[in-house]
C-alpha cells in the first residue's frame, strides 16, 4: 500500500518558564498499512495508539522537546517498543518533562528515518529550541516543521532556549530552499506550503520577535 500521512489533533497543556497554556497539537502518523512513524507524540498516548492501530510503530520522532510535543512519548514507546528520537541539543528541555527517562536515540542533521515507504530527512533547524528539527520527505512533497515554521510565520522565540535570529536563519537556509509546492505540516494549526510562506520572510524579519 502507498505511503500516507495521517493527522491527529490532541489537546493538553504547554508549560515553560513558569507559565502554562492550553494547546492543541498536531500529531502526524507517516507510513503504510504495515508500519508507521509518529511525529510528536503529544498529550494522549491512547488516542495515538488507536490511530496507529495494528501497524508496527518503529519510531517516535520529536521535532523538539517542549513538553507538549513529548509528554506522551515514553508511555507510547513502552507500549509499542518504538524508538524515541530527539536532537541532543534539546536534552535539557527534555529533562524538564522526563527527568528519569532519556530518549533512545539522537537525531543528526542529514540522517534519514525510514518506515512504511517514507524517507524522512532530518533538517536541524534551531531557533524555537536548540535541538529543533524538521523532517523532509521529497517523495511525499512534505516537510514536517514542528514549531519552526507555521502558516503566517516563524515559531515563537520569546521564551527560554529560543532565539529569533537563529530561527530566521534556519527558515531561510533550510526550509525556504525546498520546492515551493512542498506542503508544510506544522506542530499546531493549519498546514501551508513553502511557496505561500517564502515571500513573507522580510516582513517577519522587520516585525521581529
N, C-alpha and C. Protein backbone atom coordinates (compact mmCIF):
# COMPACT_ATOMS: atom_id res chain seq x y z
N UNK A 1 0.83 -1.20 0.00
CA UNK A 1 0.00 0.00 0.00
C UNK A 1 0.87 1.25 0.00
N UNK A 2 0.31 2.32 -0.56
CA UNK A 2 1.08 3.56 -0.68
C UNK A 2 1.32 4.19 0.68
N UNK A 3 2.43 4.88 0.76
CA UNK A 3 2.73 5.65 1.96
C UNK A 3 1.74 6.80 2.09
N UNK A 4 1.30 7.04 3.31
CA UNK A 4 0.34 8.13 3.52
C UNK A 4 0.67 8.88 4.81
N UNK A 5 0.08 10.07 4.90
CA UNK A 5 0.23 10.91 6.09
C UNK A 5 -1.13 11.03 6.75
N UNK A 6 -1.19 10.69 8.03
CA UNK A 6 -2.44 10.84 8.79
C UNK A 6 -2.24 11.89 9.87
N UNK A 7 -3.33 12.55 10.21
CA UNK A 7 -3.29 13.71 11.10
C UNK A 7 -4.22 13.48 12.28
N UNK A 8 -3.70 13.72 13.47
CA UNK A 8 -4.47 13.60 14.70
C UNK A 8 -4.23 14.87 15.50
N UNK A 9 -5.27 15.44 16.09
CA UNK A 9 -5.12 16.59 16.97
C UNK A 9 -5.37 16.14 18.41
N UNK A 10 -4.43 16.42 19.29
CA UNK A 10 -4.59 16.10 20.71
C UNK A 10 -4.49 17.40 21.51
N UNK A 11 -5.11 17.40 22.66
CA UNK A 11 -5.18 18.63 23.47
C UNK A 11 -4.56 18.40 24.84
N UNK A 12 -3.92 19.44 25.35
CA UNK A 12 -3.29 19.37 26.66
C UNK A 12 -2.76 20.72 27.06
N UNK A 13 -1.62 20.72 27.75
CA UNK A 13 -1.05 21.97 28.22
C UNK A 13 0.43 22.07 27.87
N UNK A 14 0.85 23.29 27.60
CA UNK A 14 2.26 23.61 27.38
C UNK A 14 2.73 24.43 28.56
N UNK A 15 3.85 24.03 29.17
CA UNK A 15 4.38 24.74 30.33
C UNK A 15 5.86 25.05 30.11
N UNK A 16 6.23 26.29 30.36
CA UNK A 16 7.64 26.71 30.29
C UNK A 16 7.78 28.04 31.01
N UNK A 17 8.92 28.22 31.66
CA UNK A 17 9.24 29.49 32.32
C UNK A 17 8.17 29.91 33.32
N UNK A 18 7.53 28.94 33.96
CA UNK A 18 6.56 29.25 35.00
C UNK A 18 5.15 29.52 34.52
N UNK A 19 4.93 29.49 33.21
CA UNK A 19 3.59 29.69 32.67
C UNK A 19 3.03 28.40 32.11
N UNK A 20 1.70 28.31 32.04
CA UNK A 20 1.04 27.14 31.47
C UNK A 20 -0.11 27.62 30.58
N UNK A 21 -0.22 27.01 29.40
CA UNK A 21 -1.23 27.39 28.42
C UNK A 21 -1.91 26.13 27.88
N UNK A 22 -3.21 26.24 27.60
CA UNK A 22 -3.93 25.16 26.93
C UNK A 22 -3.58 25.17 25.44
N UNK A 23 -3.29 24.01 24.88
CA UNK A 23 -2.86 23.94 23.48
C UNK A 23 -3.48 22.72 22.78
N UNK A 24 -3.65 22.86 21.47
CA UNK A 24 -3.98 21.74 20.60
C UNK A 24 -2.75 21.45 19.75
N UNK A 25 -2.34 20.21 19.71
CA UNK A 25 -1.14 19.81 18.98
C UNK A 25 -1.48 18.92 17.80
N UNK A 26 -0.75 19.11 16.71
CA UNK A 26 -0.84 18.20 15.57
C UNK A 26 0.10 17.01 15.80
N UNK A 27 -0.45 15.83 15.71
CA UNK A 27 0.33 14.59 15.73
C UNK A 27 0.27 14.02 14.31
N UNK A 28 1.42 13.69 13.74
CA UNK A 28 1.48 13.18 12.37
C UNK A 28 1.91 11.72 12.39
N UNK A 29 1.17 10.90 11.66
CA UNK A 29 1.49 9.48 11.53
C UNK A 29 1.81 9.23 10.06
N UNK A 30 3.03 8.75 9.80
CA UNK A 30 3.50 8.56 8.43
C UNK A 30 3.84 7.09 8.23
N UNK A 31 3.31 6.48 7.19
CA UNK A 31 3.63 5.09 6.93
C UNK A 31 2.65 4.44 5.97
N UNK A 32 2.59 3.13 6.00
CA UNK A 32 1.67 2.38 5.14
C UNK A 32 0.77 1.50 6.01
N UNK A 33 0.26 0.43 5.45
CA UNK A 33 -0.64 -0.44 6.22
C UNK A 33 0.08 -1.31 7.24
N UNK A 34 1.40 -1.36 7.15
CA UNK A 34 2.15 -2.31 7.97
C UNK A 34 3.00 -1.66 9.06
N UNK A 35 3.61 -0.52 8.74
CA UNK A 35 4.44 0.14 9.76
C UNK A 35 4.31 1.65 9.63
N UNK A 36 4.67 2.32 10.73
CA UNK A 36 4.46 3.77 10.78
C UNK A 36 5.46 4.43 11.72
N UNK A 37 5.58 5.74 11.52
CA UNK A 37 6.35 6.62 12.39
C UNK A 37 5.38 7.65 12.95
N UNK A 38 5.53 8.02 14.21
CA UNK A 38 4.77 9.13 14.79
C UNK A 38 5.69 10.32 14.97
N UNK A 39 5.25 11.46 14.49
CA UNK A 39 5.98 12.72 14.69
C UNK A 39 5.26 13.51 15.77
N UNK A 40 5.93 13.73 16.89
CA UNK A 40 5.45 14.50 18.04
C UNK A 40 4.29 13.80 18.75
N UNK A 41 4.63 12.93 19.67
CA UNK A 41 3.66 12.18 20.47
C UNK A 41 3.14 13.07 21.59
N UNK A 42 2.08 13.81 21.27
CA UNK A 42 1.58 14.85 22.17
C UNK A 42 0.37 14.39 22.97
N UNK A 43 0.45 14.54 24.28
CA UNK A 43 -0.67 14.53 25.23
C UNK A 43 -1.37 13.19 25.47
N UNK A 44 -1.69 12.42 24.42
CA UNK A 44 -2.66 11.34 24.57
C UNK A 44 -2.15 10.05 23.94
N UNK A 45 -1.43 9.26 24.71
CA UNK A 45 -0.85 8.01 24.19
C UNK A 45 -1.94 7.06 23.70
N UNK A 46 -3.09 7.03 24.38
CA UNK A 46 -4.17 6.13 23.98
C UNK A 46 -4.71 6.49 22.60
N UNK A 47 -4.96 7.76 22.37
CA UNK A 47 -5.51 8.20 21.08
C UNK A 47 -4.53 7.95 19.95
N UNK A 48 -3.25 8.16 20.23
CA UNK A 48 -2.24 7.94 19.19
C UNK A 48 -2.12 6.45 18.89
N UNK A 49 -2.09 5.63 19.93
CA UNK A 49 -2.01 4.17 19.73
C UNK A 49 -3.22 3.67 18.94
N UNK A 50 -4.38 4.22 19.22
CA UNK A 50 -5.58 3.81 18.50
C UNK A 50 -5.48 4.19 17.02
N UNK A 51 -4.93 5.37 16.74
CA UNK A 51 -4.78 5.81 15.35
C UNK A 51 -3.76 4.96 14.60
N UNK A 52 -2.72 4.52 15.29
CA UNK A 52 -1.71 3.65 14.66
C UNK A 52 -2.31 2.27 14.38
N UNK A 53 -3.17 1.83 15.30
CA UNK A 53 -3.84 0.54 15.11
C UNK A 53 -2.87 -0.63 15.24
N UNK A 54 -3.00 -1.61 14.36
CA UNK A 54 -2.17 -2.81 14.49
C UNK A 54 -0.89 -2.73 13.68
N UNK A 55 -0.55 -1.54 13.19
CA UNK A 55 0.71 -1.36 12.48
C UNK A 55 1.89 -1.39 13.45
N UNK A 56 3.04 -1.75 12.94
CA UNK A 56 4.25 -1.71 13.76
C UNK A 56 4.73 -0.26 13.84
N UNK A 57 4.82 0.27 15.04
CA UNK A 57 5.31 1.63 15.23
C UNK A 57 6.81 1.57 15.47
N UNK A 58 7.57 2.08 14.52
CA UNK A 58 9.03 1.92 14.59
C UNK A 58 9.73 3.07 15.28
N UNK A 59 9.16 4.28 15.19
CA UNK A 59 9.86 5.45 15.73
C UNK A 59 8.89 6.51 16.19
N UNK A 60 9.26 7.17 17.27
CA UNK A 60 8.60 8.39 17.75
C UNK A 60 9.61 9.51 17.59
N UNK A 61 9.40 10.34 16.59
CA UNK A 61 10.36 11.40 16.29
C UNK A 61 9.87 12.70 16.90
N UNK A 62 10.71 13.33 17.69
CA UNK A 62 10.36 14.58 18.37
C UNK A 62 10.97 15.75 17.61
N UNK A 63 10.11 16.67 17.13
CA UNK A 63 10.66 17.83 16.42
C UNK A 63 11.39 18.76 17.37
N UNK A 64 11.04 18.73 18.64
CA UNK A 64 11.77 19.46 19.69
C UNK A 64 11.21 18.97 21.02
N UNK A 65 11.75 19.47 22.12
CA UNK A 65 11.44 18.86 23.41
C UNK A 65 10.59 19.72 24.32
N UNK A 66 9.82 20.67 23.79
CA UNK A 66 8.82 21.30 24.64
C UNK A 66 7.82 20.25 25.08
N UNK A 67 7.36 20.39 26.32
CA UNK A 67 6.60 19.30 26.94
C UNK A 67 5.38 18.88 26.13
N UNK A 68 4.74 19.83 25.44
CA UNK A 68 3.50 19.49 24.74
C UNK A 68 3.75 18.63 23.50
N UNK A 69 5.00 18.52 23.07
CA UNK A 69 5.33 17.68 21.91
C UNK A 69 5.88 16.30 22.31
N UNK A 70 6.19 16.13 23.59
CA UNK A 70 6.87 14.89 24.01
C UNK A 70 6.20 14.20 25.19
N UNK A 71 5.13 14.79 25.73
CA UNK A 71 4.64 14.27 27.03
C UNK A 71 4.13 12.83 26.94
N UNK A 72 3.62 12.42 25.77
CA UNK A 72 3.10 11.05 25.65
C UNK A 72 4.13 10.06 25.11
N UNK A 73 5.33 10.54 24.77
CA UNK A 73 6.30 9.68 24.09
C UNK A 73 6.74 8.47 24.93
N UNK A 74 7.15 8.62 26.18
CA UNK A 74 7.59 7.44 26.93
C UNK A 74 6.51 6.38 27.08
N UNK A 75 5.28 6.79 27.36
CA UNK A 75 4.19 5.81 27.52
C UNK A 75 3.94 5.07 26.20
N UNK A 76 4.00 5.80 25.10
CA UNK A 76 3.76 5.18 23.79
C UNK A 76 4.91 4.25 23.42
N UNK A 77 6.12 4.65 23.76
CA UNK A 77 7.28 3.80 23.48
C UNK A 77 7.21 2.51 24.29
N UNK A 78 6.83 2.63 25.54
CA UNK A 78 6.74 1.46 26.40
C UNK A 78 5.70 0.48 25.87
N UNK A 79 4.63 1.02 25.35
CA UNK A 79 3.53 0.21 24.86
C UNK A 79 3.84 -0.48 23.54
N UNK A 80 4.64 0.17 22.70
CA UNK A 80 4.81 -0.30 21.32
C UNK A 80 6.22 -0.79 21.01
N UNK A 81 7.20 -0.43 21.86
CA UNK A 81 8.58 -0.77 21.55
C UNK A 81 9.24 0.18 20.57
N UNK A 82 8.56 1.28 20.22
CA UNK A 82 9.13 2.25 19.27
C UNK A 82 10.30 2.99 19.90
N UNK A 83 11.21 3.41 19.05
CA UNK A 83 12.38 4.19 19.47
C UNK A 83 12.04 5.67 19.53
N UNK A 84 12.38 6.33 20.65
CA UNK A 84 12.20 7.78 20.76
C UNK A 84 13.45 8.48 20.24
N UNK A 85 13.27 9.34 19.24
CA UNK A 85 14.37 10.09 18.63
C UNK A 85 14.25 11.57 18.98
N UNK A 86 15.37 12.18 19.38
CA UNK A 86 15.42 13.61 19.69
C UNK A 86 16.80 14.14 19.33
N UNK A 87 16.88 15.39 18.94
CA UNK A 87 18.20 16.00 18.74
C UNK A 87 18.84 16.26 20.10
N UNK A 88 20.10 15.94 20.21
CA UNK A 88 20.79 16.01 21.51
C UNK A 88 20.76 17.42 22.13
N UNK A 89 20.72 18.45 21.29
CA UNK A 89 20.74 19.82 21.83
C UNK A 89 19.49 20.15 22.63
N UNK A 90 18.44 19.33 22.51
CA UNK A 90 17.23 19.57 23.27
C UNK A 90 17.12 18.72 24.53
N UNK A 91 18.18 18.03 24.89
CA UNK A 91 18.12 17.19 26.09
C UNK A 91 17.79 17.99 27.35
N UNK A 92 18.34 19.20 27.54
CA UNK A 92 17.97 19.95 28.76
C UNK A 92 16.46 20.22 28.84
N UNK A 93 15.83 20.53 27.71
CA UNK A 93 14.38 20.73 27.71
C UNK A 93 13.65 19.41 27.99
N UNK A 94 14.11 18.34 27.36
CA UNK A 94 13.50 17.02 27.57
C UNK A 94 13.49 16.67 29.05
N UNK A 95 14.61 16.94 29.73
CA UNK A 95 14.74 16.55 31.14
C UNK A 95 13.80 17.33 32.06
N UNK A 96 13.32 18.48 31.60
CA UNK A 96 12.33 19.20 32.41
C UNK A 96 11.03 18.41 32.50
N UNK A 97 10.71 17.63 31.46
CA UNK A 97 9.47 16.85 31.43
C UNK A 97 9.69 15.41 31.86
N UNK A 98 10.80 14.83 31.42
CA UNK A 98 11.08 13.41 31.69
C UNK A 98 12.47 13.28 32.33
N UNK A 99 12.63 13.66 33.59
CA UNK A 99 13.96 13.64 34.20
C UNK A 99 14.56 12.25 34.35
N UNK A 100 13.72 11.22 34.38
CA UNK A 100 14.22 9.87 34.64
C UNK A 100 14.21 8.96 33.42
N UNK A 101 13.96 9.54 32.23
CA UNK A 101 13.86 8.70 31.03
C UNK A 101 14.46 9.48 29.87
N UNK A 102 15.63 9.05 29.40
CA UNK A 102 16.25 9.73 28.26
C UNK A 102 15.66 9.21 26.95
N UNK A 103 15.78 9.98 25.87
CA UNK A 103 15.42 9.44 24.56
C UNK A 103 16.29 8.22 24.24
N UNK A 104 15.85 7.43 23.28
CA UNK A 104 16.57 6.21 22.93
C UNK A 104 17.67 6.45 21.91
N UNK A 105 17.53 7.49 21.10
CA UNK A 105 18.50 7.72 20.01
C UNK A 105 18.50 9.21 19.68
N UNK A 106 19.63 9.64 19.11
CA UNK A 106 19.82 11.06 18.82
C UNK A 106 19.68 11.33 17.33
N UNK A 107 18.85 12.32 17.02
CA UNK A 107 18.72 12.78 15.64
C UNK A 107 19.96 13.57 15.24
N UNK A 108 20.40 13.36 14.00
CA UNK A 108 21.57 14.06 13.47
C UNK A 108 21.17 14.68 12.13
N UNK A 109 21.58 15.91 11.91
CA UNK A 109 21.27 16.58 10.66
C UNK A 109 21.68 15.73 9.47
N UNK A 110 20.77 15.56 8.52
CA UNK A 110 21.07 14.82 7.31
C UNK A 110 20.70 13.35 7.34
N UNK A 111 20.46 12.79 8.53
CA UNK A 111 20.11 11.37 8.58
C UNK A 111 18.70 11.17 8.00
N UNK A 112 18.41 9.96 7.58
CA UNK A 112 17.10 9.63 7.03
C UNK A 112 16.47 8.54 7.89
N UNK A 113 15.24 8.78 8.33
CA UNK A 113 14.48 7.79 9.10
C UNK A 113 13.45 7.18 8.16
N UNK A 114 13.48 5.86 8.04
CA UNK A 114 12.63 5.16 7.08
C UNK A 114 11.61 4.29 7.81
N UNK A 115 10.40 4.27 7.26
CA UNK A 115 9.37 3.33 7.71
C UNK A 115 8.18 3.44 6.77
N UNK A 116 7.59 2.31 6.45
CA UNK A 116 6.38 2.30 5.66
C UNK A 116 6.48 3.05 4.34
N UNK A 117 7.66 3.02 3.73
CA UNK A 117 7.86 3.69 2.46
C UNK A 117 8.22 5.16 2.57
N UNK A 118 8.21 5.70 3.76
CA UNK A 118 8.60 7.10 3.97
C UNK A 118 10.10 7.20 4.17
N UNK A 119 10.68 8.29 3.69
CA UNK A 119 12.10 8.60 3.91
C UNK A 119 12.18 10.02 4.44
N UNK A 120 12.22 10.13 5.76
CA UNK A 120 12.19 11.44 6.41
C UNK A 120 13.61 11.92 6.68
N UNK A 121 14.01 12.97 5.97
CA UNK A 121 15.35 13.51 6.15
C UNK A 121 15.35 14.57 7.24
N UNK A 122 16.27 14.45 8.18
CA UNK A 122 16.34 15.35 9.32
C UNK A 122 17.05 16.64 8.92
N UNK A 123 16.37 17.76 9.15
CA UNK A 123 16.96 19.08 8.96
C UNK A 123 17.05 19.75 10.33
N UNK A 124 18.25 19.98 10.83
CA UNK A 124 18.39 20.67 12.12
C UNK A 124 18.06 22.14 11.91
N UNK A 125 17.02 22.63 12.59
CA UNK A 125 16.53 23.99 12.40
C UNK A 125 16.38 24.69 13.75
N UNK A 126 17.48 25.00 14.42
CA UNK A 126 17.38 25.62 15.75
C UNK A 126 16.75 27.01 15.68
N UNK A 127 16.31 27.47 16.85
CA UNK A 127 15.72 28.80 16.95
C UNK A 127 14.54 28.79 17.92
N UNK A 128 13.52 28.01 17.60
CA UNK A 128 12.41 27.83 18.55
C UNK A 128 12.92 27.06 19.77
N UNK A 129 13.79 26.11 19.51
CA UNK A 129 14.51 25.37 20.56
C UNK A 129 15.86 24.98 19.96
N UNK A 130 16.87 24.76 20.79
CA UNK A 130 18.22 24.49 20.25
C UNK A 130 18.29 23.24 19.38
N UNK A 131 17.49 22.23 19.75
CA UNK A 131 17.52 20.97 19.01
C UNK A 131 16.33 20.78 18.09
N UNK A 132 15.67 21.86 17.73
CA UNK A 132 14.51 21.74 16.84
C UNK A 132 14.94 21.17 15.50
N UNK A 133 14.12 20.27 14.97
CA UNK A 133 14.36 19.69 13.65
C UNK A 133 13.09 19.75 12.83
N UNK A 134 13.26 19.73 11.51
CA UNK A 134 12.17 19.49 10.58
C UNK A 134 12.47 18.19 9.85
N UNK A 135 11.44 17.57 9.31
CA UNK A 135 11.56 16.27 8.65
C UNK A 135 11.00 16.40 7.25
N UNK A 136 11.87 16.21 6.26
CA UNK A 136 11.50 16.44 4.86
C UNK A 136 11.48 15.14 4.09
N UNK A 137 10.36 14.87 3.43
CA UNK A 137 10.25 13.70 2.57
C UNK A 137 9.97 14.18 1.15
N UNK A 138 11.00 14.20 0.27
CA UNK A 138 10.79 14.69 -1.09
C UNK A 138 9.76 13.89 -1.85
N UNK A 139 9.71 12.57 -1.60
CA UNK A 139 8.76 11.72 -2.30
C UNK A 139 7.31 12.06 -1.97
N UNK A 140 7.08 12.47 -0.73
CA UNK A 140 5.74 12.86 -0.30
C UNK A 140 5.47 14.34 -0.56
N UNK A 141 6.52 15.08 -0.92
CA UNK A 141 6.37 16.52 -1.14
C UNK A 141 5.96 17.26 0.12
N UNK A 142 6.50 16.80 1.24
CA UNK A 142 6.04 17.30 2.55
C UNK A 142 7.22 17.54 3.48
N UNK A 143 7.12 18.62 4.27
CA UNK A 143 8.06 18.84 5.35
C UNK A 143 7.26 19.05 6.64
N UNK A 144 7.65 18.32 7.68
CA UNK A 144 7.04 18.44 8.99
C UNK A 144 7.89 19.41 9.79
N UNK A 145 7.32 20.57 10.15
CA UNK A 145 8.15 21.66 10.68
C UNK A 145 8.04 21.84 12.19
N UNK A 146 7.23 21.02 12.87
CA UNK A 146 7.11 21.24 14.31
C UNK A 146 6.68 22.66 14.58
N UNK A 147 7.42 23.36 15.47
CA UNK A 147 7.10 24.75 15.77
C UNK A 147 8.11 25.71 15.17
N UNK A 148 8.83 25.27 14.11
CA UNK A 148 9.80 26.16 13.46
C UNK A 148 9.11 27.10 12.47
N UNK A 149 8.20 26.57 11.65
CA UNK A 149 7.50 27.40 10.66
C UNK A 149 6.02 27.05 10.68
N UNK A 150 5.20 28.10 10.78
CA UNK A 150 3.74 27.96 10.76
C UNK A 150 3.17 28.66 9.54
N UNK A 151 1.87 28.47 9.32
CA UNK A 151 1.17 29.32 8.37
C UNK A 151 1.19 30.73 8.93
N UNK A 152 1.92 31.62 8.26
CA UNK A 152 1.99 33.01 8.72
C UNK A 152 3.27 33.40 9.42
N UNK A 153 4.21 32.48 9.57
CA UNK A 153 5.49 32.92 10.11
C UNK A 153 6.19 31.94 11.01
N UNK A 154 7.30 32.41 11.60
CA UNK A 154 8.14 31.55 12.44
C UNK A 154 7.46 31.20 13.75
N UNK A 155 7.93 30.12 14.36
CA UNK A 155 7.51 29.78 15.70
C UNK A 155 7.97 30.81 16.71
N UNK A 156 7.39 30.75 17.90
CA UNK A 156 7.69 31.73 18.95
C UNK A 156 9.13 31.61 19.42
N UNK A 157 9.71 32.76 19.76
CA UNK A 157 11.08 32.77 20.28
C UNK A 157 11.20 33.64 21.52
N UNK A 158 10.10 33.81 22.25
CA UNK A 158 10.14 34.71 23.39
C UNK A 158 10.47 34.06 24.72
N UNK A 159 10.74 32.75 24.70
CA UNK A 159 10.96 32.06 25.97
C UNK A 159 12.35 31.43 26.02
N UNK A 160 12.65 30.79 27.13
CA UNK A 160 13.97 30.20 27.33
C UNK A 160 14.34 29.25 26.20
N UNK A 161 15.62 29.19 25.91
CA UNK A 161 16.21 28.28 24.92
C UNK A 161 15.88 28.67 23.47
N UNK A 162 15.27 29.84 23.26
CA UNK A 162 14.89 30.22 21.89
C UNK A 162 15.61 31.51 21.48
N UNK A 163 15.66 31.76 20.15
CA UNK A 163 16.44 32.89 19.63
C UNK A 163 15.92 33.26 18.25
N UNK A 164 15.41 34.49 18.10
CA UNK A 164 14.77 34.89 16.85
C UNK A 164 15.72 34.90 15.64
N UNK A 165 16.91 35.53 15.72
CA UNK A 165 17.78 35.49 14.53
C UNK A 165 18.13 34.07 14.08
N UNK A 166 18.23 33.16 15.04
CA UNK A 166 18.56 31.77 14.70
C UNK A 166 17.42 31.10 13.96
N UNK A 167 16.18 31.32 14.39
CA UNK A 167 15.05 30.69 13.70
C UNK A 167 14.91 31.26 12.29
N UNK A 168 15.19 32.55 12.12
CA UNK A 168 15.13 33.15 10.78
C UNK A 168 16.18 32.50 9.87
N UNK A 169 17.40 32.32 10.39
CA UNK A 169 18.45 31.65 9.60
C UNK A 169 18.01 30.25 9.20
N UNK A 170 17.43 29.52 10.16
CA UNK A 170 17.00 28.14 9.89
C UNK A 170 15.94 28.11 8.80
N UNK A 171 14.96 29.00 8.91
CA UNK A 171 13.87 29.02 7.92
C UNK A 171 14.40 29.42 6.55
N UNK A 172 15.22 30.45 6.51
CA UNK A 172 15.73 30.93 5.22
C UNK A 172 16.63 29.90 4.55
N UNK A 173 17.53 29.31 5.32
CA UNK A 173 18.58 28.46 4.73
C UNK A 173 18.16 27.01 4.55
N UNK A 174 17.24 26.52 5.41
CA UNK A 174 16.91 25.10 5.39
C UNK A 174 15.52 24.80 4.83
N UNK A 175 14.57 25.74 5.01
CA UNK A 175 13.19 25.45 4.62
C UNK A 175 12.78 26.17 3.34
N UNK A 176 13.08 27.46 3.23
CA UNK A 176 12.62 28.20 2.06
C UNK A 176 13.39 27.81 0.80
N UNK A 177 14.41 26.99 0.94
CA UNK A 177 15.14 26.46 -0.22
C UNK A 177 14.48 25.19 -0.77
N UNK A 178 13.48 24.67 -0.07
CA UNK A 178 12.76 23.49 -0.56
C UNK A 178 11.83 23.90 -1.71
N UNK A 179 11.38 22.95 -2.53
CA UNK A 179 10.49 23.29 -3.65
C UNK A 179 9.24 24.03 -3.17
N UNK A 180 8.79 25.05 -3.90
CA UNK A 180 7.66 25.88 -3.46
C UNK A 180 6.39 25.09 -3.21
N UNK A 181 6.19 24.00 -3.92
CA UNK A 181 4.98 23.20 -3.75
C UNK A 181 4.99 22.30 -2.54
N UNK A 182 6.08 22.29 -1.80
CA UNK A 182 6.19 21.42 -0.62
C UNK A 182 5.15 21.78 0.43
N UNK A 183 4.38 20.79 0.87
CA UNK A 183 3.39 21.01 1.93
C UNK A 183 4.11 21.12 3.27
N UNK A 184 3.76 22.15 4.04
CA UNK A 184 4.32 22.37 5.37
C UNK A 184 3.30 21.92 6.40
N UNK A 185 3.62 20.83 7.09
CA UNK A 185 2.73 20.29 8.12
C UNK A 185 3.31 20.68 9.47
N UNK A 186 2.56 21.46 10.22
CA UNK A 186 3.07 22.17 11.38
C UNK A 186 2.73 21.47 12.69
N UNK A 187 3.30 21.99 13.76
CA UNK A 187 3.05 21.42 15.08
C UNK A 187 1.72 21.85 15.69
N UNK A 188 1.19 22.98 15.23
CA UNK A 188 -0.10 23.49 15.68
C UNK A 188 -0.75 24.18 14.48
N UNK A 189 -2.06 24.10 14.40
CA UNK A 189 -2.76 24.87 13.38
C UNK A 189 -2.74 24.24 12.00
N UNK A 190 -3.06 25.07 11.00
CA UNK A 190 -3.26 24.58 9.64
C UNK A 190 -1.95 24.41 8.89
N UNK A 191 -1.99 23.53 7.90
CA UNK A 191 -0.84 23.36 7.01
C UNK A 191 -0.76 24.51 6.02
N UNK A 192 0.41 24.62 5.37
CA UNK A 192 0.62 25.65 4.36
C UNK A 192 1.58 25.07 3.32
N UNK A 193 2.20 25.92 2.52
CA UNK A 193 3.24 25.47 1.59
C UNK A 193 4.45 26.38 1.69
N UNK A 194 5.58 25.88 1.24
CA UNK A 194 6.79 26.71 1.21
C UNK A 194 6.55 27.94 0.34
N UNK A 195 5.90 27.73 -0.81
CA UNK A 195 5.67 28.84 -1.73
C UNK A 195 4.78 29.93 -1.15
N UNK A 196 3.84 29.54 -0.29
CA UNK A 196 2.95 30.53 0.33
C UNK A 196 3.67 31.36 1.38
N UNK A 197 4.66 30.77 2.04
CA UNK A 197 5.34 31.46 3.14
C UNK A 197 6.58 32.23 2.70
N UNK A 198 7.27 31.75 1.67
CA UNK A 198 8.57 32.32 1.29
C UNK A 198 8.52 33.83 1.01
N UNK A 199 7.49 34.37 0.36
CA UNK A 199 7.51 35.80 0.05
C UNK A 199 7.47 36.71 1.28
N UNK A 200 7.18 36.15 2.45
CA UNK A 200 6.96 36.97 3.64
C UNK A 200 8.17 37.05 4.56
N UNK A 201 9.29 36.47 4.15
CA UNK A 201 10.46 36.42 5.03
C UNK A 201 10.88 37.81 5.52
N UNK A 202 10.96 38.76 4.62
CA UNK A 202 11.41 40.11 5.04
C UNK A 202 10.43 40.76 6.00
N UNK A 203 9.13 40.48 5.82
CA UNK A 203 8.13 41.01 6.77
C UNK A 203 8.39 40.46 8.16
N UNK A 204 8.66 39.16 8.24
CA UNK A 204 8.91 38.54 9.55
C UNK A 204 10.14 39.15 10.21
N UNK A 205 11.18 39.37 9.40
CA UNK A 205 12.41 39.95 9.95
C UNK A 205 12.14 41.35 10.47
N UNK A 206 11.37 42.13 9.69
CA UNK A 206 11.07 43.51 10.08
C UNK A 206 10.21 43.54 11.34
N UNK A 207 9.32 42.58 11.45
CA UNK A 207 8.42 42.51 12.61
C UNK A 207 9.18 42.11 13.85
N UNK A 208 10.14 41.18 13.66
CA UNK A 208 10.95 40.71 14.80
C UNK A 208 10.13 39.99 15.84
N UNK A 209 10.82 39.37 16.80
CA UNK A 209 10.13 38.67 17.88
C UNK A 209 10.94 38.79 19.15
